[in-house]
Amino acid sequence: MDFSKMTTNNWIAGGAGAVSLVNIFFPWYGAFGFNINAFDAGFAAWFGALLAVAAGVIVVLKALDVFDAKVGGLEAEQLAMVVGALGFLFILLRLITESSITKFGIYLGLIAAAGTAVGAFLSGKDAGIGIPSADDFKGDGDGGGSSTF
């Protein structure tokens, strides 16, 4: 693997995905000597964190020419944007539904998920690919990814 192919924006998405992976095991909630990590905090917590990890992996694998994940009319960067944004929304939903006894892990999870989405957006912008439009989700096989920002 040639890491020199990766741009700064690819590193942002991949690094934020790596932070999200490690952060799953950090305390997200806790008090009086007990801590709860993402897996114990509920579906929205661990699923959102894993979505952020997946978004970072998609960007890095595309940048290294290992795998190009195209789904329907979405390019890999657009797919990573959507997956990273969904990860952010799931973690935000978890924070909104249970905001007492929070620890730093849930906030780091929000930042990491946002970082994967932003890194994917910027990587797409470098490649001339913008935010996905509704037409990109049709999956008509025309190559898609024509939306620009």
N, C-alpha and C. Protein backbone atom coordinates (compact mmCIF):
# COMPACT_ATOMS: atom_id res chain seq x y z
N MET A 1 0.83 -1.18 0.00
CA MET A 1 0.00 0.00 0.00
C MET A 1 0.87 1.24 0.00
N ASP A 2 0.52 2.15 -0.86
CA ASP A 2 1.28 3.38 -1.02
C ASP A 2 0.52 4.52 -0.34
N PHE A 3 0.93 4.84 0.87
CA PHE A 3 0.25 5.88 1.63
C PHE A 3 0.53 7.28 1.09
N SER A 4 1.48 7.41 0.18
CA SER A 4 1.74 8.72 -0.41
C SER A 4 0.60 9.16 -1.33
N LYS A 5 -0.27 8.23 -1.72
CA LYS A 5 -1.43 8.57 -2.54
C LYS A 5 -2.50 9.31 -1.75
N MET A 6 -2.43 9.22 -0.44
CA MET A 6 -3.48 9.82 0.38
C MET A 6 -3.28 11.32 0.53
N THR A 7 -4.38 12.04 0.36
CA THR A 7 -4.35 13.49 0.55
C THR A 7 -4.60 13.81 2.02
N THR A 8 -4.45 15.05 2.37
CA THR A 8 -4.72 15.48 3.74
C THR A 8 -6.17 15.17 4.11
N ASN A 9 -7.08 15.37 3.19
CA ASN A 9 -8.49 15.12 3.46
C ASN A 9 -8.78 13.63 3.65
N ASN A 10 -8.05 12.78 2.93
CA ASN A 10 -8.17 11.33 3.16
C ASN A 10 -7.68 10.98 4.56
N TRP A 11 -6.60 11.61 4.98
CA TRP A 11 -6.06 11.37 6.32
C TRP A 11 -7.05 11.83 7.39
N ILE A 12 -7.75 12.93 7.12
CA ILE A 12 -8.75 13.43 8.08
C ILE A 12 -9.85 12.38 8.26
N ALA A 13 -10.39 11.88 7.16
CA ALA A 13 -11.46 10.88 7.24
C ALA A 13 -10.96 9.59 7.88
N GLY A 14 -9.81 9.12 7.45
CA GLY A 14 -9.27 7.88 8.00
C GLY A 14 -8.88 8.00 9.46
N GLY A 15 -8.28 9.12 9.81
CA GLY A 15 -7.89 9.36 11.20
C GLY A 15 -9.09 9.47 12.12
N ALA A 16 -10.12 10.17 11.64
CA ALA A 16 -11.34 10.29 12.45
C ALA A 16 -12.02 8.93 12.60
N GLY A 17 -11.96 8.10 11.57
CA GLY A 17 -12.50 6.75 11.67
C GLY A 17 -11.73 5.91 12.68
N ALA A 18 -10.40 6.07 12.69
CA ALA A 18 -9.57 5.34 13.65
C ALA A 18 -9.86 5.80 15.08
N VAL A 19 -10.02 7.11 15.25
CA VAL A 19 -10.37 7.64 16.58
C VAL A 19 -11.71 7.09 17.02
N SER A 20 -12.65 7.00 16.09
CA SER A 20 -13.96 6.46 16.42
C SER A 20 -13.87 4.99 16.86
N LEU A 21 -13.01 4.24 16.20
CA LEU A 21 -12.84 2.83 16.56
C LEU A 21 -12.29 2.68 17.98
N VAL A 22 -11.28 3.45 18.32
CA VAL A 22 -10.70 3.39 19.66
C VAL A 22 -11.68 3.93 20.69
N ASN A 23 -12.41 4.97 20.30
CA ASN A 23 -13.32 5.64 21.22
C ASN A 23 -14.49 4.76 21.65
N ILE A 24 -14.79 3.73 20.90
CA ILE A 24 -15.89 2.82 21.27
C ILE A 24 -15.66 2.26 22.67
N PHE A 25 -14.40 2.08 23.04
CA PHE A 25 -14.07 1.46 24.32
C PHE A 25 -13.85 2.47 25.44
N PHE A 26 -13.86 3.76 25.14
CA PHE A 26 -13.73 4.79 26.16
C PHE A 26 -15.06 4.95 26.90
N PRO A 27 -15.03 5.57 28.09
CA PRO A 27 -16.29 5.77 28.82
C PRO A 27 -17.18 6.81 28.14
N TRP A 28 -18.42 6.43 27.88
CA TRP A 28 -19.41 7.33 27.30
C TRP A 28 -20.34 7.86 28.38
N TYR A 29 -20.62 7.03 29.35
CA TYR A 29 -21.45 7.41 30.50
C TYR A 29 -20.81 6.84 31.75
N GLY A 30 -21.11 7.43 32.88
CA GLY A 30 -20.60 6.87 34.12
C GLY A 30 -20.76 7.81 35.30
N ALA A 31 -20.76 7.21 36.47
CA ALA A 31 -20.82 7.95 37.73
C ALA A 31 -20.51 7.00 38.87
N PHE A 32 -20.01 7.54 39.94
CA PHE A 32 -19.75 6.78 41.17
C PHE A 32 -18.91 5.53 40.93
N GLY A 33 -17.90 5.65 40.10
CA GLY A 33 -16.96 4.56 39.90
C GLY A 33 -17.30 3.57 38.81
N PHE A 34 -18.41 3.73 38.12
CA PHE A 34 -18.70 2.82 37.01
C PHE A 34 -18.67 3.60 35.71
N ASN A 35 -18.29 2.93 34.64
CA ASN A 35 -18.24 3.54 33.32
C ASN A 35 -18.93 2.64 32.31
N ILE A 36 -19.56 3.27 31.33
CA ILE A 36 -20.26 2.56 30.28
C ILE A 36 -19.65 2.99 28.95
N ASN A 37 -19.19 2.01 28.16
CA ASN A 37 -18.63 2.34 26.84
C ASN A 37 -19.76 2.33 25.80
N ALA A 38 -19.40 2.51 24.53
CA ALA A 38 -20.41 2.62 23.47
C ALA A 38 -21.24 1.35 23.35
N PHE A 39 -20.60 0.19 23.52
CA PHE A 39 -21.34 -1.06 23.38
C PHE A 39 -22.40 -1.22 24.47
N ASP A 40 -22.14 -0.69 25.64
CA ASP A 40 -23.09 -0.79 26.74
C ASP A 40 -24.07 0.38 26.77
N ALA A 41 -23.81 1.40 25.95
CA ALA A 41 -24.66 2.60 25.96
C ALA A 41 -25.88 2.46 25.05
N GLY A 42 -25.97 1.39 24.31
CA GLY A 42 -27.15 1.17 23.47
C GLY A 42 -26.83 1.16 22.00
N PHE A 43 -27.84 0.76 21.22
CA PHE A 43 -27.69 0.59 19.78
C PHE A 43 -27.20 1.85 19.09
N ALA A 44 -27.83 2.98 19.37
CA ALA A 44 -27.48 4.22 18.68
C ALA A 44 -26.02 4.59 18.90
N ALA A 45 -25.49 4.29 20.06
CA ALA A 45 -24.09 4.63 20.38
C ALA A 45 -23.13 3.76 19.57
N TRP A 46 -23.25 2.45 19.71
CA TRP A 46 -22.27 1.60 19.05
C TRP A 46 -22.48 1.55 17.54
N PHE A 47 -23.73 1.62 17.08
CA PHE A 47 -23.97 1.61 15.65
C PHE A 47 -23.46 2.89 15.00
N GLY A 48 -23.70 4.02 15.64
CA GLY A 48 -23.18 5.29 15.11
C GLY A 48 -21.66 5.31 15.04
N ALA A 49 -21.02 4.79 16.08
CA ALA A 49 -19.56 4.74 16.08
C ALA A 49 -19.03 3.82 14.98
N LEU A 50 -19.68 2.68 14.78
CA LEU A 50 -19.24 1.76 13.73
C LEU A 50 -19.50 2.33 12.33
N LEU A 51 -20.56 3.11 12.18
CA LEU A 51 -20.78 3.79 10.90
C LEU A 51 -19.66 4.78 10.61
N ALA A 52 -19.21 5.49 11.63
CA ALA A 52 -18.10 6.42 11.45
C ALA A 52 -16.82 5.68 11.07
N VAL A 53 -16.59 4.54 11.68
CA VAL A 53 -15.43 3.71 11.32
C VAL A 53 -15.53 3.29 9.86
N ALA A 54 -16.71 2.84 9.46
CA ALA A 54 -16.92 2.40 8.08
C ALA A 54 -16.68 3.52 7.08
N ALA A 55 -17.12 4.73 7.41
CA ALA A 55 -16.91 5.87 6.52
C ALA A 55 -15.42 6.14 6.33
N GLY A 56 -14.66 6.09 7.42
CA GLY A 56 -13.22 6.29 7.31
C GLY A 56 -12.55 5.21 6.48
N VAL A 57 -12.98 3.97 6.66
CA VAL A 57 -12.41 2.85 5.90
C VAL A 57 -12.70 2.99 4.41
N ILE A 58 -13.91 3.40 4.07
CA ILE A 58 -14.27 3.57 2.66
C ILE A 58 -13.37 4.59 1.99
N VAL A 59 -13.14 5.72 2.64
CA VAL A 59 -12.30 6.77 2.06
C VAL A 59 -10.86 6.29 1.91
N VAL A 60 -10.33 5.64 2.93
CA VAL A 60 -8.93 5.20 2.88
C VAL A 60 -8.74 4.12 1.82
N LEU A 61 -9.64 3.16 1.75
CA LEU A 61 -9.50 2.11 0.73
C LEU A 61 -9.60 2.67 -0.68
N LYS A 62 -10.46 3.66 -0.88
CA LYS A 62 -10.55 4.31 -2.20
C LYS A 62 -9.27 5.07 -2.51
N ALA A 63 -8.73 5.79 -1.53
CA ALA A 63 -7.52 6.58 -1.75
C ALA A 63 -6.33 5.69 -2.07
N LEU A 64 -6.27 4.51 -1.48
CA LEU A 64 -5.15 3.60 -1.69
C LEU A 64 -5.36 2.68 -2.90
N ASP A 65 -6.44 2.88 -3.63
CA ASP A 65 -6.79 2.06 -4.80
C ASP A 65 -6.91 0.58 -4.46
N VAL A 66 -7.35 0.30 -3.24
CA VAL A 66 -7.56 -1.08 -2.83
C VAL A 66 -8.96 -1.53 -3.21
N PHE A 67 -9.94 -0.66 -2.98
CA PHE A 67 -11.34 -0.99 -3.21
C PHE A 67 -12.11 0.29 -3.47
N ASP A 68 -12.93 0.29 -4.50
CA ASP A 68 -13.76 1.45 -4.82
C ASP A 68 -15.21 1.08 -4.60
N ALA A 69 -15.76 1.51 -3.50
CA ALA A 69 -17.14 1.17 -3.14
C ALA A 69 -18.10 2.12 -3.83
N LYS A 70 -18.79 1.62 -4.85
CA LYS A 70 -19.83 2.39 -5.51
C LYS A 70 -21.16 1.70 -5.24
N VAL A 71 -22.11 2.45 -4.77
CA VAL A 71 -23.42 1.91 -4.47
C VAL A 71 -24.45 2.72 -5.25
N GLY A 72 -25.12 2.06 -6.17
CA GLY A 72 -26.09 2.77 -6.99
C GLY A 72 -25.40 3.88 -7.76
N GLY A 73 -25.90 5.07 -7.61
CA GLY A 73 -25.31 6.22 -8.27
C GLY A 73 -24.31 6.97 -7.41
N LEU A 74 -23.99 6.42 -6.24
CA LEU A 74 -23.08 7.10 -5.31
C LEU A 74 -21.64 6.68 -5.53
N GLU A 75 -20.77 7.64 -5.59
CA GLU A 75 -19.34 7.37 -5.60
C GLU A 75 -18.90 7.02 -4.18
N ALA A 76 -17.70 6.51 -4.03
CA ALA A 76 -17.21 6.08 -2.71
C ALA A 76 -17.21 7.23 -1.71
N GLU A 77 -16.77 8.40 -2.13
CA GLU A 77 -16.73 9.54 -1.22
C GLU A 77 -18.12 9.96 -0.78
N GLN A 78 -19.08 9.90 -1.70
CA GLN A 78 -20.45 10.25 -1.35
C GLN A 78 -21.04 9.22 -0.39
N LEU A 79 -20.75 7.95 -0.63
CA LEU A 79 -21.21 6.91 0.28
C LEU A 79 -20.63 7.14 1.68
N ALA A 80 -19.35 7.48 1.74
CA ALA A 80 -18.71 7.75 3.03
C ALA A 80 -19.32 8.98 3.70
N MET A 81 -19.67 10.00 2.92
CA MET A 81 -20.34 11.18 3.49
C MET A 81 -21.64 10.78 4.16
N VAL A 82 -22.44 10.00 3.45
CA VAL A 82 -23.75 9.60 3.96
C VAL A 82 -23.58 8.72 5.20
N VAL A 83 -22.67 7.75 5.14
CA VAL A 83 -22.46 6.83 6.26
C VAL A 83 -21.92 7.59 7.48
N GLY A 84 -20.96 8.50 7.26
CA GLY A 84 -20.42 9.29 8.36
C GLY A 84 -21.46 10.21 8.98
N ALA A 85 -22.29 10.83 8.14
CA ALA A 85 -23.34 11.71 8.65
C ALA A 85 -24.38 10.92 9.43
N LEU A 86 -24.71 9.72 8.96
CA LEU A 86 -25.64 8.87 9.71
C LEU A 86 -25.04 8.47 11.05
N GLY A 87 -23.75 8.17 11.06
CA GLY A 87 -23.08 7.85 12.32
C GLY A 87 -23.18 9.00 13.30
N PHE A 88 -22.94 10.21 12.81
CA PHE A 88 -23.06 11.40 13.64
C PHE A 88 -24.48 11.54 14.19
N LEU A 89 -25.48 11.34 13.34
CA LEU A 89 -26.87 11.48 13.77
C LEU A 89 -27.26 10.43 14.81
N PHE A 90 -26.78 9.20 14.65
CA PHE A 90 -27.07 8.17 15.64
C PHE A 90 -26.47 8.52 17.00
N ILE A 91 -25.23 8.99 17.00
CA ILE A 91 -24.58 9.34 18.27
C ILE A 91 -25.26 10.56 18.88
N LEU A 92 -25.62 11.53 18.05
CA LEU A 92 -26.35 12.70 18.54
C LEU A 92 -27.69 12.29 19.13
N LEU A 93 -28.38 11.37 18.49
CA LEU A 93 -29.64 10.86 19.01
C LEU A 93 -29.44 10.21 20.37
N ARG A 94 -28.35 9.48 20.52
CA ARG A 94 -28.07 8.85 21.82
C ARG A 94 -27.82 9.90 22.89
N LEU A 95 -27.08 10.96 22.53
CA LEU A 95 -26.81 12.02 23.48
C LEU A 95 -28.09 12.75 23.87
N ILE A 96 -28.96 12.99 22.92
CA ILE A 96 -30.21 13.70 23.20
C ILE A 96 -31.13 12.86 24.09
N THR A 97 -31.17 11.56 23.85
CA THR A 97 -32.08 10.71 24.63
C THR A 97 -31.55 10.39 26.02
N GLU A 98 -30.26 10.50 26.23
CA GLU A 98 -29.69 10.27 27.57
C GLU A 98 -28.52 11.23 27.75
N SER A 99 -28.79 12.37 28.35
CA SER A 99 -27.76 13.40 28.48
C SER A 99 -27.21 13.52 29.90
N SER A 100 -27.66 12.68 30.82
CA SER A 100 -27.12 12.76 32.17
C SER A 100 -25.93 11.81 32.30
N ILE A 101 -25.10 12.06 33.22
CA ILE A 101 -23.88 11.31 33.56
C ILE A 101 -23.00 11.02 32.33
N THR A 102 -22.95 11.95 31.39
CA THR A 102 -22.13 11.74 30.20
C THR A 102 -20.65 11.89 30.56
N LYS A 103 -19.85 11.18 29.80
CA LYS A 103 -18.39 11.27 29.91
C LYS A 103 -17.85 11.75 28.57
N PHE A 104 -16.54 11.91 28.48
CA PHE A 104 -15.92 12.48 27.30
C PHE A 104 -16.09 11.62 26.06
N GLY A 105 -16.31 10.33 26.20
CA GLY A 105 -16.38 9.42 25.06
C GLY A 105 -17.48 9.76 24.08
N ILE A 106 -18.63 10.15 24.58
CA ILE A 106 -19.74 10.45 23.67
C ILE A 106 -19.46 11.72 22.87
N TYR A 107 -18.80 12.68 23.49
CA TYR A 107 -18.47 13.91 22.78
C TYR A 107 -17.36 13.67 21.76
N LEU A 108 -16.38 12.85 22.13
CA LEU A 108 -15.33 12.47 21.19
C LEU A 108 -15.93 11.67 20.03
N GLY A 109 -16.93 10.84 20.33
CA GLY A 109 -17.61 10.10 19.27
C GLY A 109 -18.31 11.01 18.29
N LEU A 110 -18.95 12.06 18.79
CA LEU A 110 -19.60 13.04 17.91
C LEU A 110 -18.58 13.73 17.01
N ILE A 111 -17.47 14.14 17.61
CA ILE A 111 -16.44 14.84 16.84
C ILE A 111 -15.83 13.91 15.80
N ALA A 112 -15.56 12.66 16.17
CA ALA A 112 -14.96 11.71 15.24
C ALA A 112 -15.91 11.40 14.09
N ALA A 113 -17.18 11.21 14.38
CA ALA A 113 -18.15 10.93 13.32
C ALA A 113 -18.28 12.12 12.38
N ALA A 114 -18.30 13.31 12.93
CA ALA A 114 -18.34 14.51 12.09
C ALA A 114 -17.07 14.61 11.26
N GLY A 115 -15.94 14.24 11.84
CA GLY A 115 -14.67 14.27 11.11
C GLY A 115 -14.64 13.33 9.92
N THR A 116 -15.26 12.15 10.06
CA THR A 116 -15.29 11.24 8.92
C THR A 116 -16.16 11.79 7.81
N ALA A 117 -17.30 12.37 8.18
CA ALA A 117 -18.19 12.94 7.17
C ALA A 117 -17.54 14.13 6.47
N VAL A 118 -16.91 15.00 7.23
CA VAL A 118 -16.25 16.17 6.65
C VAL A 118 -15.04 15.75 5.81
N GLY A 119 -14.26 14.80 6.31
CA GLY A 119 -13.12 14.31 5.54
C GLY A 119 -13.55 13.67 4.23
N ALA A 120 -14.67 12.93 4.27
CA ALA A 120 -15.20 12.32 3.04
C ALA A 120 -15.69 13.39 2.08
N PHE A 121 -16.35 14.42 2.61
CA PHE A 121 -16.81 15.52 1.76
C PHE A 121 -15.63 16.22 1.09
N LEU A 122 -14.61 16.52 1.88
CA LEU A 122 -13.44 17.21 1.33
C LEU A 122 -12.67 16.33 0.35
N SER A 123 -12.62 15.03 0.60
CA SER A 123 -11.99 14.11 -0.34
C SER A 123 -12.76 14.07 -1.66
N GLY A 124 -14.08 14.08 -1.54
CA GLY A 124 -14.91 14.13 -2.74
C GLY A 124 -14.74 15.43 -3.49
N LYS A 125 -14.63 16.51 -2.75
CA LYS A 125 -14.43 17.82 -3.38
C LYS A 125 -13.12 17.85 -4.15
N ASP A 126 -12.08 17.21 -3.58
CA ASP A 126 -10.79 17.11 -4.28
C ASP A 126 -10.94 16.37 -5.61
N ALA A 127 -11.83 15.38 -5.63
CA ALA A 127 -12.04 14.56 -6.82
C ALA A 127 -13.12 15.12 -7.74
N GLY A 128 -13.67 16.28 -7.39
CA GLY A 128 -14.73 16.88 -8.20
C GLY A 128 -16.10 16.29 -7.94
N ILE A 129 -16.27 15.66 -6.80
CA ILE A 129 -17.54 15.04 -6.44
C ILE A 129 -18.12 15.82 -5.27
N GLY A 130 -19.39 16.14 -5.35
CA GLY A 130 -20.00 16.93 -4.30
C GLY A 130 -20.95 16.13 -3.43
N ILE A 131 -21.78 16.85 -2.72
CA ILE A 131 -22.78 16.24 -1.85
C ILE A 131 -23.77 15.47 -2.73
N PRO A 132 -24.16 14.28 -2.32
CA PRO A 132 -25.10 13.50 -3.13
C PRO A 132 -26.44 14.21 -3.28
N SER A 133 -26.98 14.14 -4.47
CA SER A 133 -28.32 14.67 -4.71
C SER A 133 -29.31 13.52 -4.68
N ALA A 134 -30.58 13.82 -4.75
CA ALA A 134 -31.60 12.77 -4.75
C ALA A 134 -31.44 11.84 -5.93
N ASP A 135 -30.98 12.36 -7.06
CA ASP A 135 -30.79 11.53 -8.25
C ASP A 135 -29.71 10.46 -8.04
N ASP A 136 -28.74 10.74 -7.18
CA ASP A 136 -27.67 9.78 -6.93
C ASP A 136 -28.17 8.54 -6.21
N PHE A 137 -29.29 8.63 -5.53
CA PHE A 137 -29.83 7.50 -4.79
C PHE A 137 -30.73 6.61 -5.64
N LYS A 138 -30.99 7.00 -6.89
CA LYS A 138 -31.85 6.21 -7.76
C LYS A 138 -31.19 4.91 -8.17
N GLY A 139 -29.87 4.92 -8.34
CA GLY A 139 -29.17 3.70 -8.71
C GLY A 139 -29.47 3.26 -10.11
N ASP A 140 -29.57 4.22 -11.04
CA ASP A 140 -29.90 3.87 -12.41
C ASP A 140 -28.69 3.38 -13.21
N GLY A 141 -27.52 3.33 -12.57
CA GLY A 141 -26.35 2.75 -13.21
C GLY A 141 -25.68 3.66 -14.22
N ASP A 142 -25.99 4.94 -14.21
CA ASP A 142 -25.37 5.83 -15.19
C ASP A 142 -24.04 6.38 -14.72
N GLY A 143 -23.51 5.83 -13.64
CA GLY A 143 -22.22 6.31 -13.12
C GLY A 143 -22.41 7.25 -11.97
N GLY A 144 -23.51 8.03 -11.99
CA GLY A 144 -23.84 8.91 -10.87
C GLY A 144 -22.69 9.80 -10.46
N GLY A 145 -22.79 10.33 -9.29
CA GLY A 145 -21.73 11.16 -8.75
C GLY A 145 -21.56 12.48 -9.46
N SER A 146 -22.57 12.91 -10.21
CA SER A 146 -22.44 14.13 -10.99
C SER A 146 -22.73 15.38 -10.18
N SER A 147 -23.25 15.22 -9.01
CA SER A 147 -23.58 16.35 -8.16
C SER A 147 -22.31 17.05 -7.71
N THR A 148 -22.31 18.37 -7.80
CA THR A 148 -21.15 19.13 -7.34
C THR A 148 -21.61 20.16 -6.34
N PHE A 149 -20.69 20.59 -5.51
CA PHE A 149 -21.02 21.57 -4.47
C PHE A 149 -20.38 22.87 -4.81
